[in-house]
Amino acid sequence: MLYNKMFDLTKIHIFSCLCYISTIIANRKMVDLHVKARIFLEFKPQIESCVVYDLQSHSISVYGNVMF
């Protein structure tokens, strides 16, 4: 209401929900799946990317190609 425009609700997701990251074709091996499951932590509106947690390697990364 402050700027007289509606807020975009399409980028709101529940913290710690399951999301999927598509792996780059160049980094994909023959036995790898095309998508990998991660846990959503945060959305970065400045760079339009999501911070996610990898369950297998226990690392935190930023990805732009996240599917919920």
PDB file of N, CA and C in Angstrom:
ATOM      1  N   MET A   1       0.813  -1.196   0.000  1.00  0.00           N
ATOM      2  CA  MET A   1       0.000   0.000   0.000  1.00  0.00           C
ATOM      3  C   MET A   1       0.860   1.266   0.000  1.00  0.00           C
ATOM      4  N   LEU A   2       2.066   1.148   0.468  1.00  0.00           N
ATOM      5  CA  LEU A   2       2.941   2.305   0.547  1.00  0.00           C
ATOM      6  C   LEU A   2       3.313   2.829  -0.839  1.00  0.00           C
ATOM      7  N   TYR A   3       3.531   1.931  -1.795  1.00  0.00           N
ATOM      8  CA  TYR A   3       3.934   2.316  -3.144  1.00  0.00           C
ATOM      9  C   TYR A   3       2.817   2.187  -4.164  1.00  0.00           C
ATOM     10  N   ASN A   4       1.594   1.948  -3.723  1.00  0.00           N
ATOM     11  CA  ASN A   4       0.407   1.824  -4.580  1.00  0.00           C
ATOM     12  C   ASN A   4       0.537   0.718  -5.627  1.00  0.00           C
ATOM     13  N   LYS A   5       1.135  -0.401  -5.256  1.00  0.00           N
ATOM     14  CA  LYS A   5       1.175  -1.557  -6.139  1.00  0.00           C
ATOM     15  C   LYS A   5       1.092  -2.826  -5.294  1.00  0.00           C
ATOM     16  N   MET A   6       0.596  -3.879  -5.918  1.00  0.00           N
ATOM     17  CA  MET A   6       0.402  -5.139  -5.214  1.00  0.00           C
ATOM     18  C   MET A   6       1.730  -5.872  -5.051  1.00  0.00           C
ATOM     19  N   PHE A   7       1.837  -6.598  -3.948  1.00  0.00           N
ATOM     20  CA  PHE A   7       3.016  -7.411  -3.685  1.00  0.00           C
ATOM     21  C   PHE A   7       2.924  -8.712  -4.479  1.00  0.00           C
ATOM     22  N   ASP A   8       4.033  -9.166  -5.040  1.00  0.00           N
ATOM     23  CA  ASP A   8       4.068 -10.395  -5.820  1.00  0.00           C
ATOM     24  C   ASP A   8       4.143 -11.598  -4.875  1.00  0.00           C
ATOM     25  N   LEU A   9       3.068 -12.360  -4.786  1.00  0.00           N
ATOM     26  CA  LEU A   9       2.997 -13.495  -3.867  1.00  0.00           C
ATOM     27  C   LEU A   9       3.518 -14.796  -4.479  1.00  0.00           C
ATOM     28  N   THR A  10       3.942 -14.791  -5.735  1.00  0.00           N
ATOM     29  CA  THR A  10       4.411 -16.024  -6.373  1.00  0.00           C
ATOM     30  C   THR A  10       5.769 -16.473  -5.849  1.00  0.00           C
ATOM     31  N   LYS A  11       6.531 -15.586  -5.232  1.00  0.00           N
ATOM     32  CA  LYS A  11       7.861 -15.928  -4.749  1.00  0.00           C
ATOM     33  C   LYS A  11       7.875 -16.298  -3.267  1.00  0.00           C
ATOM     34  N   ILE A  12       6.716 -16.401  -2.644  1.00  0.00           N
ATOM     35  CA  ILE A  12       6.645 -16.765  -1.228  1.00  0.00           C
ATOM     36  C   ILE A  12       6.512 -18.278  -1.104  1.00  0.00           C
ATOM     37  N   HIS A  13       7.429 -18.874  -0.353  1.00  0.00           N
ATOM     38  CA  HIS A  13       7.427 -20.315  -0.128  1.00  0.00           C
ATOM     39  C   HIS A  13       7.688 -20.586   1.343  1.00  0.00           C
ATOM     40  N   ILE A  14       7.284 -21.735   1.805  1.00  0.00           N
ATOM     41  CA  ILE A  14       7.428 -22.105   3.203  1.00  0.00           C
ATOM     42  C   ILE A  14       8.880 -22.475   3.490  1.00  0.00           C
ATOM     43  N   PHE A  15       9.402 -21.944   4.586  1.00  0.00           N
ATOM     44  CA  PHE A  15      10.759 -22.254   5.017  1.00  0.00           C
ATOM     45  C   PHE A  15      10.889 -23.751   5.264  1.00  0.00           C
ATOM     46  N   SER A  16      11.956 -24.334   4.813  1.00  0.00           N
ATOM     47  CA  SER A  16      12.319 -25.750   4.947  1.00  0.00           C
ATOM     48  C   SER A  16      11.429 -26.693   4.145  1.00  0.00           C
ATOM     49  N   CYS A  17      10.785 -26.197   3.084  1.00  0.00           N
ATOM     50  CA  CYS A  17      10.028 -27.100   2.219  1.00  0.00           C
ATOM     51  C   CYS A  17      10.981 -27.744   1.210  1.00  0.00           C
ATOM     52  N   LEU A  18      10.564 -28.854   0.671  1.00  0.00           N
ATOM     53  CA  LEU A  18      11.374 -29.591  -0.292  1.00  0.00           C
ATOM     54  C   LEU A  18      11.328 -28.894  -1.649  1.00  0.00           C
ATOM     55  N   CYS A  19      12.473 -28.708  -2.261  1.00  0.00           N
ATOM     56  CA  CYS A  19      12.544 -28.112  -3.587  1.00  0.00           C
ATOM     57  C   CYS A  19      13.520 -28.928  -4.425  1.00  0.00           C
ATOM     58  N   TYR A  20      13.523 -28.690  -5.717  1.00  0.00           N
ATOM     59  CA  TYR A  20      14.350 -29.463  -6.642  1.00  0.00           C
ATOM     60  C   TYR A  20      15.211 -28.537  -7.480  1.00  0.00           C
ATOM     61  N   ILE A  21      16.463 -28.937  -7.659  1.00  0.00           N
ATOM     62  CA  ILE A  21      17.428 -28.173  -8.435  1.00  0.00           C
ATOM     63  C   ILE A  21      17.779 -28.983  -9.678  1.00  0.00           C
ATOM     64  N   SER A  22      17.682 -28.354 -10.823  1.00  0.00           N
ATOM     65  CA  SER A  22      18.067 -29.023 -12.058  1.00  0.00           C
ATOM     66  C   SER A  22      19.580 -28.930 -12.223  1.00  0.00           C
ATOM     67  N   THR A  23      20.235 -30.048 -12.464  1.00  0.00           N
ATOM     68  CA  THR A  23      21.687 -30.040 -12.634  1.00  0.00           C
ATOM     69  C   THR A  23      22.051 -29.616 -14.053  1.00  0.00           C
ATOM     70  N   ILE A  24      23.164 -28.941 -14.184  1.00  0.00           N
ATOM     71  CA  ILE A  24      23.637 -28.480 -15.485  1.00  0.00           C
ATOM     72  C   ILE A  24      24.057 -29.690 -16.316  1.00  0.00           C
ATOM     73  N   ILE A  25      23.751 -29.682 -17.587  1.00  0.00           N
ATOM     74  CA  ILE A  25      24.036 -30.812 -18.469  1.00  0.00           C
ATOM     75  C   ILE A  25      25.534 -31.129 -18.491  1.00  0.00           C
ATOM     76  N   ALA A  26      26.379 -30.119 -18.442  1.00  0.00           N
ATOM     77  CA  ALA A  26      27.820 -30.349 -18.482  1.00  0.00           C
ATOM     78  C   ALA A  26      28.320 -31.075 -17.231  1.00  0.00           C
ATOM     79  N   ASN A  27      27.647 -30.871 -16.089  1.00  0.00           N
ATOM     80  CA  ASN A  27      28.064 -31.505 -14.837  1.00  0.00           C
ATOM     81  C   ASN A  27      27.350 -32.826 -14.579  1.00  0.00           C
ATOM     82  N   ARG A  28      26.450 -33.227 -15.456  1.00  0.00           N
ATOM     83  CA  ARG A  28      25.643 -34.423 -15.255  1.00  0.00           C
ATOM     84  C   ARG A  28      26.382 -35.660 -15.734  1.00  0.00           C
ATOM     85  N   LYS A  29      26.374 -36.705 -14.913  1.00  0.00           N
ATOM     86  CA  LYS A  29      26.981 -37.974 -15.297  1.00  0.00           C
ATOM     87  C   LYS A  29      25.897 -38.907 -15.801  1.00  0.00           C
ATOM     88  N   MET A  30      26.298 -40.048 -16.318  1.00  0.00           N
ATOM     89  CA  MET A  30      25.347 -40.994 -16.900  1.00  0.00           C
ATOM     90  C   MET A  30      24.351 -41.513 -15.863  1.00  0.00           C
ATOM     91  N   VAL A  31      24.780 -41.716 -14.628  1.00  0.00           N
ATOM     92  CA  VAL A  31      23.903 -42.296 -13.606  1.00  0.00           C
ATOM     93  C   VAL A  31      23.166 -41.244 -12.788  1.00  0.00           C
ATOM     94  N   ASP A  32      23.509 -39.961 -12.954  1.00  0.00           N
ATOM     95  CA  ASP A  32      22.863 -38.893 -12.184  1.00  0.00           C
ATOM     96  C   ASP A  32      21.440 -38.652 -12.662  1.00  0.00           C
ATOM     97  N   LEU A  33      20.610 -38.243 -11.736  1.00  0.00           N
ATOM     98  CA  LEU A  33      19.263 -37.804 -12.085  1.00  0.00           C
ATOM     99  C   LEU A  33      19.321 -36.376 -12.612  1.00  0.00           C
ATOM    100  N   HIS A  34      18.281 -35.968 -13.289  1.00  0.00           N
ATOM    101  CA  HIS A  34      18.248 -34.603 -13.835  1.00  0.00           C
ATOM    102  C   HIS A  34      17.945 -33.576 -12.760  1.00  0.00           C
ATOM    103  N   VAL A  35      17.273 -33.981 -11.688  1.00  0.00           N
ATOM    104  CA  VAL A  35      16.954 -33.059 -10.597  1.00  0.00           C
ATOM    105  C   VAL A  35      17.443 -33.646  -9.281  1.00  0.00           C
ATOM    106  N   LYS A  36      17.798 -32.762  -8.364  1.00  0.00           N
ATOM    107  CA  LYS A  36      18.249 -33.176  -7.042  1.00  0.00           C
ATOM    108  C   LYS A  36      17.399 -32.469  -5.992  1.00  0.00           C
ATOM    109  N   ALA A  37      17.003 -33.214  -4.975  1.00  0.00           N
ATOM    110  CA  ALA A  37      16.160 -32.659  -3.911  1.00  0.00           C
ATOM    111  C   ALA A  37      17.016 -31.881  -2.919  1.00  0.00           C
ATOM    112  N   ARG A  38      16.514 -30.723  -2.529  1.00  0.00           N
ATOM    113  CA  ARG A  38      17.172 -29.851  -1.547  1.00  0.00           C
ATOM    114  C   ARG A  38      16.098 -29.307  -0.602  1.00  0.00           C
ATOM    115  N   ILE A  39      16.524 -28.591   0.422  1.00  0.00           N
ATOM    116  CA  ILE A  39      15.607 -27.945   1.353  1.00  0.00           C
ATOM    117  C   ILE A  39      15.736 -26.435   1.181  1.00  0.00           C
ATOM    118  N   PHE A  40      14.590 -25.771   0.975  1.00  0.00           N
ATOM    119  CA  PHE A  40      14.554 -24.321   0.771  1.00  0.00           C
ATOM    120  C   PHE A  40      14.814 -23.610   2.093  1.00  0.00           C
ATOM    121  N   LEU A  41      15.720 -22.619   2.082  1.00  0.00           N
ATOM    122  CA  LEU A  41      16.015 -21.846   3.272  1.00  0.00           C
ATOM    123  C   LEU A  41      15.588 -20.385   3.152  1.00  0.00           C
ATOM    124  N   GLU A  42      15.891 -19.762   2.010  1.00  0.00           N
ATOM    125  CA  GLU A  42      15.650 -18.323   1.892  1.00  0.00           C
ATOM    126  C   GLU A  42      15.587 -17.918   0.424  1.00  0.00           C
ATOM    127  N   PHE A  43      14.794 -16.889   0.129  1.00  0.00           N
ATOM    128  CA  PHE A  43      14.759 -16.311  -1.211  1.00  0.00           C
ATOM    129  C   PHE A  43      15.492 -14.983  -1.189  1.00  0.00           C
ATOM    130  N   LYS A  44      16.411 -14.786  -2.120  1.00  0.00           N
ATOM    131  CA  LYS A  44      17.169 -13.536  -2.242  1.00  0.00           C
ATOM    132  C   LYS A  44      16.572 -12.703  -3.364  1.00  0.00           C
ATOM    133  N   PRO A  45      15.758 -11.686  -3.053  1.00  0.00           N
ATOM    134  CA  PRO A  45      15.115 -10.907  -4.114  1.00  0.00           C
ATOM    135  C   PRO A  45      16.093 -10.049  -4.920  1.00  0.00           C
ATOM    136  N   GLN A  46      17.239  -9.696  -4.347  1.00  0.00           N
ATOM    137  CA  GLN A  46      18.208  -8.866  -5.076  1.00  0.00           C
ATOM    138  C   GLN A  46      18.760  -9.599  -6.287  1.00  0.00           C
ATOM    139  N   ILE A  47      18.994 -10.894  -6.156  1.00  0.00           N
ATOM    140  CA  ILE A  47      19.562 -11.671  -7.254  1.00  0.00           C
ATOM    141  C   ILE A  47      18.576 -12.692  -7.807  1.00  0.00           C
ATOM    142  N   GLU A  48      17.349 -12.690  -7.294  1.00  0.00           N
ATOM    143  CA  GLU A  48      16.276 -13.602  -7.691  1.00  0.00           C
ATOM    144  C   GLU A  48      16.743 -15.054  -7.677  1.00  0.00           C
ATOM    145  N   SER A  49      17.319 -15.457  -6.564  1.00  0.00           N
ATOM    146  CA  SER A  49      17.803 -16.813  -6.381  1.00  0.00           C
ATOM    147  C   SER A  49      17.388 -17.315  -5.004  1.00  0.00           C
ATOM    148  N   CYS A  50      17.519 -18.617  -4.805  1.00  0.00           N
ATOM    149  CA  CYS A  50      17.138 -19.238  -3.545  1.00  0.00           C
ATOM    150  C   CYS A  50      18.349 -19.840  -2.864  1.00  0.00           C
ATOM    151  N   VAL A  51      18.378 -19.723  -1.549  1.00  0.00           N
ATOM    152  CA  VAL A  51      19.398 -20.374  -0.739  1.00  0.00           C
ATOM    153  C   VAL A  51      18.826 -21.726  -0.331  1.00  0.00           C
ATOM    154  N   VAL A  52      19.549 -22.794  -0.624  1.00  0.00           N
ATOM    155  CA  VAL A  52      19.061 -24.149  -0.354  1.00  0.00           C
ATOM    156  C   VAL A  52      20.117 -24.950   0.398  1.00  0.00           C
ATOM    157  N   TYR A  53      19.656 -25.989   1.091  1.00  0.00           N
ATOM    158  CA  TYR A  53      20.521 -26.886   1.859  1.00  0.00           C
ATOM    159  C   TYR A  53      20.535 -28.252   1.204  1.00  0.00           C
ATOM    160  N   ASP A  54      21.732 -28.757   0.947  1.00  0.00           N
ATOM    161  CA  ASP A  54      21.898 -30.075   0.335  1.00  0.00           C
ATOM    162  C   ASP A  54      21.962 -31.129   1.433  1.00  0.00           C
ATOM    163  N   LEU A  55      21.064 -32.102   1.366  1.00  0.00           N
ATOM    164  CA  LEU A  55      20.996 -33.136   2.388  1.00  0.00           C
ATOM    165  C   LEU A  55      22.151 -34.135   2.292  1.00  0.00           C
ATOM    166  N   GLN A  56      22.684 -34.358   1.117  1.00  0.00           N
ATOM    167  CA  GLN A  56      23.744 -35.348   0.948  1.00  0.00           C
ATOM    168  C   GLN A  56      25.114 -34.809   1.343  1.00  0.00           C
ATOM    169  N   SER A  57      25.453 -33.614   0.878  1.00  0.00           N
ATOM    170  CA  SER A  57      26.776 -33.053   1.176  1.00  0.00           C
ATOM    171  C   SER A  57      26.771 -32.115   2.381  1.00  0.00           C
ATOM    172  N   HIS A  58      25.596 -31.833   2.951  1.00  0.00           N
ATOM    173  CA  HIS A  58      25.438 -30.951   4.117  1.00  0.00           C
ATOM    174  C   HIS A  58      26.046 -29.571   3.858  1.00  0.00           C
ATOM    175  N   SER A  59      25.758 -29.029   2.685  1.00  0.00           N
ATOM    176  CA  SER A  59      26.264 -27.707   2.319  1.00  0.00           C
ATOM    177  C   SER A  59      25.112 -26.784   1.954  1.00  0.00           C
ATOM    178  N   ILE A  60      25.374 -25.493   2.012  1.00  0.00           N
ATOM    179  CA  ILE A  60      24.388 -24.466   1.666  1.00  0.00           C
ATOM    180  C   ILE A  60      24.850 -23.793   0.385  1.00  0.00           C
ATOM    181  N   SER A  61      23.936 -23.659  -0.584  1.00  0.00           N
ATOM    182  CA  SER A  61      24.277 -23.073  -1.884  1.00  0.00           C
ATOM    183  C   SER A  61      23.161 -22.137  -2.334  1.00  0.00           C
ATOM    184  N   VAL A  62      23.471 -21.330  -3.341  1.00  0.00           N
ATOM    185  CA  VAL A  62      22.496 -20.404  -3.937  1.00  0.00           C
ATOM    186  C   VAL A  62      22.258 -20.852  -5.375  1.00  0.00           C
ATOM    187  N   TYR A  63      20.981 -21.037  -5.724  1.00  0.00           N
ATOM    188  CA  TYR A  63      20.600 -21.475  -7.071  1.00  0.00           C
ATOM    189  C   TYR A  63      19.492 -20.589  -7.606  1.00  0.00           C
ATOM    190  N   GLY A  64      19.489 -20.397  -8.912  1.00  0.00           N
ATOM    191  CA  GLY A  64      18.444 -19.624  -9.554  1.00  0.00           C
ATOM    192  C   GLY A  64      17.385 -20.478 -10.216  1.00  0.00           C
ATOM    193  N   ASN A  65      17.661 -21.746 -10.415  1.00  0.00           N
ATOM    194  CA  ASN A  65      16.738 -22.633 -11.117  1.00  0.00           C
ATOM    195  C   ASN A  65      16.089 -23.624 -10.134  1.00  0.00           C
ATOM    196  N   VAL A  66      15.248 -23.118  -9.255  1.00  0.00           N
ATOM    197  CA  VAL A  66      14.621 -23.918  -8.210  1.00  0.00           C
ATOM    198  C   VAL A  66      13.156 -24.166  -8.568  1.00  0.00           C
ATOM    199  N   MET A  67      12.728 -25.416  -8.431  1.00  0.00           N
ATOM    200  CA  MET A  67      11.331 -25.785  -8.646  1.00  0.00           C
ATOM    201  C   MET A  67      10.738 -26.262  -7.328  1.00  0.00           C
ATOM    202  N   PHE A  68       9.519 -25.813  -7.034  1.00  0.00           N
ATOM    203  CA  PHE A  68       8.857 -26.203  -5.782  1.00  0.00           C
ATOM    204  C   PHE A  68       7.740 -27.170  -6.042  1.00  0.00           C
TER     205      PHE A  68
END
